[in-house]
Amino acid sequence: MLSAKNLTKDHGAHRALDDVNFTVGSGDVFCLLGANGAGKSTTIKLFLGFLKPTSGSAEVDGLDPQQEPQAVRRRLLYIPETVALYDELTGYENLDYFARLAGVEDRSPARLRESLAEAGLASNAFDRRVGQYSKGMRQKVGIALAIVKEAKALLLDEPTSGLDPEASAEFHDLLVRQRDRGAAILMATHDLFRAREVATTVGLMQASRLRRTIDAAKITASDLESLYLEEMGRQP
C-alpha cells in the first residue's frame, strides 16, 4: 500500500532523507523511531505530496503523489501532532465538513455519529464546540474521519505527543482497530514502548537514514530500547 523506493530528499546542500526503502502493506503498522531531525516527518510529507523527492519515489497504492495528488489523498488520512479543526464548530459539524471535502458519499447523521462513537468520542461531546475539546478528543475526530472515509492508509506524525498516558493508550487502541480492519499505518513517534505494542515493524532512523528495520513481534520493549540507544549513539 505504501512504498518508499530509494527515497531521497535534499534541501539545498542539506540531505534530509537519504536512500530510504520500506513497504507498509494493508493491516501493517510501520513505526518510525528517531530523534528530531532524523527524517521521520520528511518521509511522511513525501507520501502526502507536500514535498517532491530529489530522487526515488514514495508511492501510495501504486500511485505517485506528485502525479496523481487527488487520487492519493482519497486513499489517505493524515493525523498530525494536533488535528486542525474549527473551534467554533462542534465535533459532528467538523466531521461533516471534512467528510464533504474528502468526497465521502454517505454523510448521513447516523453514519457520522456512529463513526464518532467508534472513534471513542463520548456522545455528549458530539454537539459540543471543538474549542472545548482536549487534544485527545480532537485526535478522536481525526480517527472518526478515517472511519467514515474508509481510508486505506493512515499517516501519523507524533499523534500522541502531549497526551496523558491514559489518552495515549486509548489512541493506540484505536489504531489497532484500524490496523485490524486492513488499513496500512505509517507513524512517526518518540514513544518506543507504545510503538512496540502496536507496530508490526519498527524502523530506526538516524541522521536522515533508515538504519534498521525490526519485526516488532520478535523483540522485547527492553531490547528495542537498547537497539534504539545504540543506533542513536552512532556517528552519522
Foldseek 3Di string as FASTA:
>chain_A
DKWWALFWADDVPATQAGGETDDFFWLFEEEEAEDPSLNQVVLLCQLQVVDPTPDTAIDDVNHGCVVCVLVSVLQEAEAEQAQDFDQAFALLVRLLVVCVVSVQDPSDSVLLLVLLVLLPADSVRRRPGCVPPDRLSRVSSSSSSCVSSVHQEYEYEANCVPPDPVSVVSNLVSVNVSSVVTHGYYYYHNDLQSCLVRGQKYFYTGSNYRPDIDGSVPDDSVVSVVVNVVVNPDDD
